[in-house]
C-alpha atoms as a PDB file:
ATOM      1  CA  UNK A   1       6.197 188.033  -3.968  1.00  0.00           C
ATOM      2  CA  UNK A   2       5.216 185.241  -1.555  1.00  0.00           C
ATOM      3  CA  UNK A   3       6.841 182.644  -3.814  1.00  0.00           C
ATOM      4  CA  UNK A   4      10.141 184.573  -3.864  1.00  0.00           C
ATOM      5  CA  UNK A   5      10.026 185.053  -0.095  1.00  0.00           C
ATOM      6  CA  UNK A   6       9.546 181.335   0.536  1.00  0.00           C
ATOM      7  CA  UNK A   7      12.048 180.243  -2.133  1.00  0.00           C
ATOM      8  CA  UNK A   8      14.851 182.775  -1.570  1.00  0.00           C
ATOM      9  CA  UNK A   9      14.205 183.932   1.992  1.00  0.00           C
ATOM     10  CA  UNK A  10      13.808 187.547   0.905  1.00  0.00           C
ATOM     11  CA  UNK A  11      11.968 189.701  -1.603  1.00  0.00           C
ATOM     12  CA  UNK A  12      12.098 193.360  -2.601  1.00  0.00           C
ATOM     13  CA  UNK A  13       9.046 195.459  -1.708  1.00  0.00           C
ATOM     14  CA  UNK A  14       8.573 199.009  -2.939  1.00  0.00           C
ATOM     15  CA  UNK A  15       6.016 201.575  -1.862  1.00  0.00           C
ATOM     16  CA  UNK A  16       5.629 200.501   1.775  1.00  0.00           C
ATOM     17  CA  UNK A  17       4.005 203.252   3.820  1.00  0.00           C
ATOM     18  CA  UNK A  18       5.033 204.282   7.321  1.00  0.00           C
ATOM     19  CA  UNK A  19       2.197 205.766   9.362  1.00  0.00           C
ATOM     20  CA  UNK A  20       4.765 207.036  11.862  1.00  0.00           C
ATOM     21  CA  UNK A  21       6.715 209.167   9.356  1.00  0.00           C
ATOM     22  CA  UNK A  22       4.050 209.599   6.689  1.00  0.00           C
ATOM     23  CA  UNK A  23       6.550 208.532   4.013  1.00  0.00           C
ATOM     24  CA  UNK A  24       6.818 205.641   1.583  1.00  0.00           C
ATOM     25  CA  UNK A  25       9.954 203.547   1.292  1.00  0.00           C
ATOM     26  CA  UNK A  26      11.343 200.384  -0.278  1.00  0.00           C
ATOM     27  CA  UNK A  27      13.202 197.539   1.399  1.00  0.00           C
ATOM     28  CA  UNK A  28      13.822 193.823   1.306  1.00  0.00           C
ATOM     29  CA  UNK A  29      11.446 191.713   3.396  1.00  0.00           C
ATOM     30  CA  UNK A  30      13.568 188.951   4.934  1.00  0.00           C
ATOM     31  CA  UNK A  31      12.149 185.698   6.334  1.00  0.00           C
ATOM     32  CA  UNK A  32      14.038 183.762   9.001  1.00  0.00           C
ATOM     33  CA  UNK A  33      12.784 180.325  10.052  1.00  0.00           C
ATOM     34  CA  UNK A  34      14.594 178.162  12.585  1.00  0.00           C
ATOM     35  CA  UNK A  35      12.120 175.277  12.383  1.00  0.00           C
ATOM     36  CA  UNK A  36      10.210 176.371  15.482  1.00  0.00           C
ATOM     37  CA  UNK A  37       9.601 180.035  14.884  1.00  0.00           C
ATOM     38  CA  UNK A  38       9.422 182.286  11.841  1.00  0.00           C
ATOM     39  CA  UNK A  39      10.303 185.959  11.950  1.00  0.00           C
ATOM     40  CA  UNK A  40      10.403 188.812   9.478  1.00  0.00           C
ATOM     41  CA  UNK A  41      12.698 191.810   9.211  1.00  0.00           C
ATOM     42  CA  UNK A  42      13.258 194.716   6.844  1.00  0.00           C
ATOM     43  CA  UNK A  43      16.662 195.117   5.210  1.00  0.00           C
ATOM     44  CA  UNK A  44      17.477 198.412   3.558  1.00  0.00           C
ATOM     45  CA  UNK A  45      19.828 198.541   0.571  1.00  0.00           C
ATOM     46  CA  UNK A  46      20.837 202.133  -0.081  1.00  0.00           C
ATOM     47  CA  UNK A  47      21.702 201.473  -3.742  1.00  0.00           C
ATOM     48  CA  UNK A  48      18.414 199.781  -4.614  1.00  0.00           C
ATOM     49  CA  UNK A  49      16.125 201.871  -2.362  1.00  0.00           C
ATOM     50  CA  UNK A  50      17.692 205.239  -3.143  1.00  0.00           C
ATOM     51  CA  UNK A  51      17.944 206.112   0.554  1.00  0.00           C
END
């Protein structure tokens, strides 16, 4: 998973758990790096995640 994130800039993660909602979900973890700062975001794909 880490290799795909570093190589492609995103990777699919299933079974993430939200303490706030008490539910599990799947999403892409997206890495953005501008050379000074790295940041992460979740990207939801309704077709792949089934949302």
